Protein backbone atom coordinates (compact mmCIF):
# COMPACT_ATOMS: atom_id res chain seq x y z
CA UNK A 1 -35.43 -10.16 25.19
CA UNK A 2 -32.76 -7.47 25.18
CA UNK A 3 -30.11 -7.44 22.46
CA UNK A 4 -26.53 -6.87 23.57
CA UNK A 5 -24.82 -3.97 21.83
CA UNK A 6 -22.01 -4.77 19.43
CA UNK A 7 -18.50 -3.93 20.60
CA UNK A 8 -18.44 -1.17 17.99
CA UNK A 9 -21.40 0.54 19.66
CA UNK A 10 -19.29 0.64 22.81
CA UNK A 11 -15.83 1.26 21.35
CA UNK A 12 -16.96 3.92 18.90
CA UNK A 13 -20.03 5.35 20.60
CA UNK A 14 -19.24 8.84 19.34
CA UNK A 15 -18.54 7.80 15.74
CA UNK A 16 -20.23 9.81 13.02
CA UNK A 17 -21.52 6.64 11.32
CA UNK A 18 -21.32 2.84 11.42
CA UNK A 19 -18.01 2.11 9.73
CA UNK A 20 -18.84 -1.57 9.36
CA UNK A 21 -21.32 -0.38 6.70
CA UNK A 22 -23.65 -3.15 7.84
CA UNK A 23 -21.27 -5.90 6.74
CA UNK A 24 -20.21 -9.09 8.47
CA UNK A 25 -17.14 -11.16 7.75
CA UNK A 26 -19.30 -13.46 5.64
CA UNK A 27 -20.64 -10.67 3.44
CA UNK A 28 -17.19 -9.08 3.14
CA UNK A 29 -15.66 -12.35 1.98
CA UNK A 30 -18.32 -12.49 -0.74
CA UNK A 31 -17.33 -9.15 -2.30
CA UNK A 32 -15.91 -9.77 -5.75
CA UNK A 33 -12.92 -7.85 -7.11
CA UNK A 34 -13.65 -5.58 -10.06
CA UNK A 35 -13.03 -7.33 -13.37
CA UNK A 36 -10.27 -5.78 -15.49
CA UNK A 37 -11.34 -3.47 -18.30
CA UNK A 38 -10.04 -4.15 -21.78
CA UNK A 39 -6.33 -3.40 -22.03
CA UNK A 40 -5.73 -3.29 -18.26
CA UNK A 41 -2.76 -5.66 -18.17
CA UNK A 42 -1.31 -4.28 -21.39
CA UNK A 43 -1.40 -0.72 -20.03
CA UNK A 44 0.41 -1.71 -16.81
CA UNK A 45 2.93 -3.84 -18.69
CA UNK A 46 3.62 -0.87 -20.93
CA UNK A 47 4.24 1.36 -17.92
CA UNK A 48 6.54 -1.30 -16.47
CA UNK A 49 8.52 -1.41 -19.71
CA UNK A 50 8.85 2.38 -19.70
CA UNK A 51 10.04 2.36 -16.07
CA UNK A 52 12.83 -0.04 -16.96
CA UNK A 53 14.29 2.65 -19.22
CA UNK A 54 14.62 5.11 -16.30
CA UNK A 55 17.82 5.07 -14.27
CA UNK A 56 16.95 5.30 -10.56
CA UNK A 57 20.43 6.80 -10.07
CA UNK A 58 20.33 6.67 -6.25
CA UNK A 59 22.61 8.87 -4.19
CA UNK A 60 23.21 8.70 -0.44
CA UNK A 61 22.66 12.05 1.25
CA UNK A 62 23.35 11.15 4.90
CA UNK A 63 23.78 8.10 7.13
CA UNK A 64 23.66 7.12 10.80
CA UNK A 65 23.57 3.96 12.90
CA UNK A 66 20.22 3.09 14.52
CA UNK A 67 19.74 -0.06 16.61
CA UNK A 68 22.68 -1.77 14.95
CA UNK A 69 21.67 -0.89 11.39
CA UNK A 70 22.82 1.76 8.96
CA UNK A 71 19.98 4.15 8.16
CA UNK A 72 20.58 6.51 5.26
CA UNK A 73 18.57 9.22 3.58
CA UNK A 74 18.85 8.68 -0.15
CA UNK A 75 17.52 10.29 -3.31
CA UNK A 76 16.40 8.45 -6.45
CA UNK A 77 14.53 9.12 -9.67
CA UNK A 78 10.80 8.53 -10.02
CA UNK A 79 9.27 7.30 -13.26
CA UNK A 80 9.19 10.77 -14.77
CA UNK A 81 12.66 11.71 -13.54
CA UNK A 82 11.40 13.58 -10.46
CA UNK A 83 14.00 13.17 -7.71
CA UNK A 84 12.40 11.60 -4.65
CA UNK A 85 13.86 11.00 -1.20
CA UNK A 86 13.62 7.82 0.86
CA UNK A 87 15.25 6.04 3.77
CA UNK A 88 17.54 3.06 3.20
CA UNK A 89 18.18 0.53 5.99
CA UNK A 90 21.07 -1.95 5.87
CA UNK A 91 22.12 -4.62 8.38
CA UNK A 92 25.63 -4.20 9.75
CA UNK A 93 26.24 -7.68 11.18
CA UNK A 94 25.95 -9.67 7.94
CA UNK A 95 24.89 -9.32 4.30
CA UNK A 96 21.16 -8.99 3.70
CA UNK A 97 19.18 -12.04 2.56
CA UNK A 98 16.07 -10.16 1.46
CA UNK A 99 15.08 -6.65 0.48
CA UNK A 100 11.90 -5.06 1.83
CA UNK A 101 10.09 -2.18 0.15
CA UNK A 102 8.01 -0.63 2.94
CA UNK A 103 5.49 2.03 1.98
CA UNK A 104 3.24 4.17 4.19
CA UNK A 105 -0.23 5.63 4.74
CA UNK A 106 -1.63 8.85 3.30
CA UNK A 107 -0.06 10.85 6.10
CA UNK A 108 3.38 10.15 4.68
CA UNK A 109 6.29 9.12 6.87
CA UNK A 110 8.62 10.99 9.22
CA UNK A 111 10.88 8.11 10.31
CA UNK A 112 11.61 4.46 9.58
CA UNK A 113 9.65 1.75 11.41
CA UNK A 114 11.68 -1.43 11.80
CA UNK A 115 8.91 -3.54 13.39
CA UNK A 116 8.29 -5.54 10.20
CA UNK A 117 11.92 -5.58 9.00
CA UNK A 118 13.93 -8.75 9.86
CA UNK A 119 17.44 -8.27 11.20
CA UNK A 120 18.90 -9.81 8.04
CA UNK A 121 16.96 -7.60 5.63
CA UNK A 122 17.86 -4.47 3.75
CA UNK A 123 14.93 -2.12 3.27
CA UNK A 124 13.87 1.00 1.49
CA UNK A 125 11.19 3.23 2.98
CA UNK A 126 10.05 5.22 -0.04
CA UNK A 127 7.97 8.34 0.48
CA UNK A 128 5.35 8.93 -2.20
CA UNK A 129 5.72 11.98 -4.39
CA UNK A 130 4.16 15.04 -2.81
CA UNK A 131 3.86 13.56 0.68
CA UNK A 132 5.61 14.40 3.96
CA UNK A 133 8.15 14.53 5.24
CA UNK A 134 10.85 13.86 2.69
CA UNK A 135 8.87 14.70 -0.45
CA UNK A 136 6.36 17.34 0.63
CA UNK A 137 5.11 19.03 -2.53
CA UNK A 138 7.68 17.30 -4.73
CA UNK A 139 6.10 15.96 -7.93
CA UNK A 140 2.54 16.31 -6.61
CA UNK A 141 0.57 18.61 -4.31
CA UNK A 142 0.86 17.86 -0.61
CA UNK A 143 -2.72 18.37 0.70
CA UNK A 144 -4.50 15.00 0.61
CA UNK A 145 -7.62 16.35 -1.10
CA UNK A 146 -5.48 17.79 -3.91
CA UNK A 147 -3.03 14.89 -4.01
CA UNK A 148 -5.59 12.10 -4.59
CA UNK A 149 -7.05 13.98 -7.59
CA UNK A 150 -3.81 15.21 -9.16
CA UNK A 151 -3.61 14.33 -12.85
CA UNK A 152 -6.88 12.38 -12.82
CA UNK A 153 -7.70 13.75 -16.28
CA UNK A 154 -5.48 11.08 -17.86
CA UNK A 155 -4.28 7.59 -16.87
CA UNK A 156 -0.72 8.52 -17.77
CA UNK A 157 -0.67 11.49 -15.40
CA UNK A 158 -2.89 10.26 -12.53
CA UNK A 159 -0.94 10.52 -9.29
CA UNK A 160 -1.90 7.08 -7.96
CA UNK A 161 -0.42 5.51 -11.07
CA UNK A 162 2.72 7.61 -10.79
CA UNK A 163 3.12 6.64 -7.12
CA UNK A 164 2.72 2.96 -7.95
CA UNK A 165 5.20 3.19 -10.79
CA UNK A 166 7.64 5.08 -8.53
CA UNK A 167 7.74 1.94 -6.37
CA UNK A 168 9.50 0.12 -9.20
CA UNK A 169 12.19 2.80 -9.16
CA UNK A 170 12.43 2.63 -5.36
CA UNK A 171 13.11 -1.09 -5.67
CA UNK A 172 15.73 -0.30 -8.35
CA UNK A 173 17.37 2.13 -5.94
CA UNK A 174 17.45 -0.50 -3.20
CA UNK A 175 19.02 -3.19 -5.37
CA UNK A 176 21.49 -0.74 -6.91
CA UNK A 177 22.78 0.20 -3.46
CA UNK A 178 22.73 -3.20 -1.70
CA UNK A 179 22.83 -5.70 -4.56
CA UNK A 180 20.23 -7.93 -6.20
CA UNK A 181 17.96 -9.55 -3.61
CA UNK A 182 14.57 -11.22 -3.57
CA UNK A 183 12.06 -8.55 -2.60
CA UNK A 184 9.11 -8.46 -0.20
CA UNK A 185 6.59 -5.65 -0.02
CA UNK A 186 4.91 -4.10 3.02
CA UNK A 187 2.34 -1.33 2.62
CA UNK A 188 -0.38 0.10 4.81
CA UNK A 189 -3.57 1.93 3.74
CA UNK A 190 -2.37 4.20 0.88
CA UNK A 191 0.75 2.04 0.64
CA UNK A 192 -1.30 -1.15 0.60
CA UNK A 193 -3.35 0.01 -2.36
CA UNK A 194 -0.37 1.43 -4.25
CA UNK A 195 1.53 -1.78 -3.66
CA UNK A 196 -1.33 -3.89 -5.01
CA UNK A 197 -1.20 -1.82 -8.21
CA UNK A 198 2.58 -2.17 -8.62
CA UNK A 199 3.33 -5.73 -7.47
CA UNK A 200 1.92 -7.85 -10.31
CA UNK A 201 4.21 -6.33 -12.91
CA UNK A 202 7.52 -6.68 -10.99
CA UNK A 203 8.91 -10.21 -10.94
CA UNK A 204 11.49 -9.46 -8.24
CA UNK A 205 8.93 -9.91 -5.44
CA UNK A 206 8.46 -13.16 -3.52
CA UNK A 207 5.58 -11.97 -1.32
CA UNK A 208 3.76 -9.04 0.24
CA UNK A 209 1.78 -7.83 3.23
CA UNK A 210 -0.99 -5.32 2.53
CA UNK A 211 -2.44 -3.69 5.65
CA UNK A 212 -5.96 -2.19 5.43
CA UNK A 213 -5.31 -1.54 1.72
CA UNK A 214 -6.93 1.43 0.01
CA UNK A 215 -8.03 2.05 -3.61
CA UNK A 216 -9.83 -1.30 -3.86
CA UNK A 217 -13.19 -2.17 -5.42
CA UNK A 218 -14.27 1.26 -6.64
CA UNK A 219 -17.83 0.06 -7.23
CA UNK A 220 -18.08 -0.36 -3.46
CA UNK A 221 -15.75 2.51 -2.60
CA UNK A 222 -17.68 5.12 -4.54
CA UNK A 223 -21.02 3.98 -3.11
CA UNK A 224 -20.37 4.84 0.55
CA UNK A 225 -19.33 7.79 2.66
CA UNK A 226 -15.97 7.76 4.43
CA UNK A 227 -13.67 10.29 6.06
CA UNK A 228 -10.56 9.37 4.07
CA UNK A 229 -9.34 10.22 0.58
CA UNK A 230 -12.14 8.14 -0.89
CA UNK A 231 -14.66 10.84 -0.05
CA UNK A 232 -12.75 13.39 -2.12
CA UNK A 233 -12.72 10.97 -5.04
CA UNK A 234 -16.42 10.17 -4.56
CA UNK A 235 -17.33 13.86 -4.69
CA UNK A 236 -15.18 14.35 -7.78
CA UNK A 237 -16.70 11.43 -9.67
CA UNK A 238 -20.21 12.67 -8.80
CA UNK A 239 -19.35 15.98 -10.46
CA UNK A 240 -17.20 14.48 -13.25
CA UNK A 241 -18.56 11.02 -14.13
CA UNK A 242 -15.95 10.57 -16.85
CA UNK A 243 -13.30 10.20 -14.11
CA UNK A 244 -14.78 6.78 -13.27
CA UNK A 245 -13.26 5.44 -16.49
CA UNK A 246 -9.79 6.60 -15.45
CA UNK A 247 -10.20 4.97 -12.03
CA UNK A 248 -10.82 1.57 -13.65
CA UNK A 249 -7.07 1.36 -14.33
CA UNK A 250 -6.23 2.07 -10.69
CA UNK A 251 -8.40 -0.40 -8.81
CA UNK A 252 -6.25 -2.35 -6.36
CA UNK A 253 -8.72 -5.26 -6.38
CA UNK A 254 -8.39 -5.57 -10.15
CA UNK A 255 -4.61 -5.37 -10.16
CA UNK A 256 -3.95 -7.83 -7.35
CA UNK A 257 -5.69 -10.56 -9.31
CA UNK A 258 -2.68 -10.54 -11.64
CA UNK A 259 -0.17 -11.17 -8.83
CA UNK A 260 1.24 -14.68 -8.56
CA UNK A 261 2.98 -14.42 -5.20
CA UNK A 262 1.76 -15.18 -1.66
CA UNK A 263 0.00 -12.14 -0.26
CA UNK A 264 -1.01 -11.50 3.33
CA UNK A 265 -3.87 -9.01 3.66
CA UNK A 266 -4.72 -7.53 7.05
CA UNK A 267 -8.29 -6.31 6.52
CA UNK A 268 -10.54 -4.60 9.06
CA UNK A 269 -14.20 -5.18 9.84
CA UNK A 270 -14.73 -1.53 10.87
CA UNK A 271 -12.89 1.40 9.31
CA UNK A 272 -14.18 4.93 8.66
CA UNK A 273 -11.19 5.93 6.50
CA UNK A 274 -10.88 2.94 4.14
CA UNK A 275 -14.30 1.22 3.97
CA UNK A 276 -14.00 -2.52 4.68
CA UNK A 277 -15.78 -3.53 1.44
CA UNK A 278 -12.86 -2.05 -0.50
CA UNK A 279 -10.28 -3.74 1.71
CA UNK A 280 -11.91 -7.14 1.32
CA UNK A 281 -12.31 -6.59 -2.41
CA UNK A 282 -8.51 -6.47 -2.51
CA UNK A 283 -8.11 -9.48 -0.22
CA UNK A 284 -10.57 -11.55 -2.22
CA UNK A 285 -8.54 -10.92 -5.39
CA UNK A 286 -5.37 -12.57 -4.08
CA UNK A 287 -4.59 -15.92 -5.69
CA UNK A 288 -2.41 -17.04 -2.74
CA UNK A 289 -4.04 -15.35 0.24
CA UNK A 290 -3.27 -15.33 3.93
CA UNK A 291 -6.09 -13.29 5.48
CA UNK A 292 -5.81 -11.64 8.89
CA UNK A 293 -9.08 -10.12 10.07
CA UNK A 294 -8.65 -7.03 12.23
CA UNK A 295 -11.44 -5.79 14.52
CA UNK A 296 -10.99 -2.25 13.22
CA UNK A 297 -8.66 -0.13 11.14
CA UNK A 298 -7.51 3.48 11.45
CA UNK A 299 -8.87 3.48 15.01
CA UNK A 300 -7.94 2.90 18.63
CA UNK A 301 -9.89 0.25 20.54
CA UNK A 302 -9.39 -2.02 23.58
CA UNK A 303 -6.64 -4.54 22.84
CA UNK A 304 -5.34 -2.78 19.73
CA UNK A 305 -1.73 -3.06 20.96
CA UNK A 306 -2.01 -6.85 21.23
CA UNK A 307 -3.67 -7.10 17.83
CA UNK A 308 -0.93 -4.98 16.26
CA UNK A 309 1.83 -7.01 17.90
CA UNK A 310 0.29 -10.24 16.65
CA UNK A 311 -0.08 -8.86 13.14
CA UNK A 312 3.57 -7.79 13.08
CA UNK A 313 4.69 -11.22 14.33
CA UNK A 314 2.56 -13.09 11.80
CA UNK A 315 3.57 -10.73 9.01
CA UNK A 316 7.24 -11.45 9.65
CA UNK A 317 6.45 -15.17 9.59
CA UNK A 318 4.73 -14.72 6.23
CA UNK A 319 7.84 -13.00 4.88
CA UNK A 320 10.04 -15.87 6.09
CA UNK A 321 7.80 -18.51 4.49
CA UNK A 322 7.60 -16.59 1.22
CA UNK A 323 11.38 -16.31 1.11
CA UNK A 324 11.84 -20.04 1.79
CA UNK A 325 9.28 -20.97 -0.85
CA UNK A 326 11.08 -18.86 -3.44
CA UNK A 327 14.52 -20.29 -2.65
């Protein structure tokens, strides 16, 4: 009897390797988050306390009207005082009811994307230190292979920690400019992992959507080949095993277990850039999880436009429910 090929054999016939890594949804749902090392929560709480002593001091550099909203380029302080640029979006028709912090993938960001931003929301689109376009080379090296390893010698200087802690200052900048609001987080890939690290320690958030989140479940992440930033880290840890101990403080699956807000995770079954075992390690850590299973991540495939549209629609619904629940 012949065996029908999987859709991945057809969709990704020229792929270098099987980016499902042999997993099924059942095996992915069984992946456990990495348990926190001693002092994990205390270290992050200490960083949060330090961040509260930094004045975000946002300034507006320019502004224009886009689709009925004011879109400004602003500058604000990061956790170490580095001045970082971001986009600020404000509704013009009425005061905002919610603030959205919307991060990005490892390619950075060159414009705002309003697809997941409700009409009655204010939003900040922070750009991580070092990344394009607004912060290329600012506070960290721009090339991805250099960026993901920057400062890895120490937890206090590791770039992933700095980027996560910068999100607290980005939220400060948003609320300074538009007023105190309940916050919701949206982050994809790099931004999903960074958000998972930052969210548990900031009580202003009512919910979050993490899309194909990175930096999760390093036991799984370091065990497999990928074509994203994880491969650079894997090579580094192979040559410098002591770096594994630093990474224990920056595991998104560990951190998200401390979050006590509803979290929607959009996790992919096939992804050559962010291996699915890491994504599901993050999802499986969420205490209040809404799971959306994507056929693939970081890839084009038949029907991807419909899948993306549905994810955006359902993500906005999750935001609305989280906001109502917190009211």
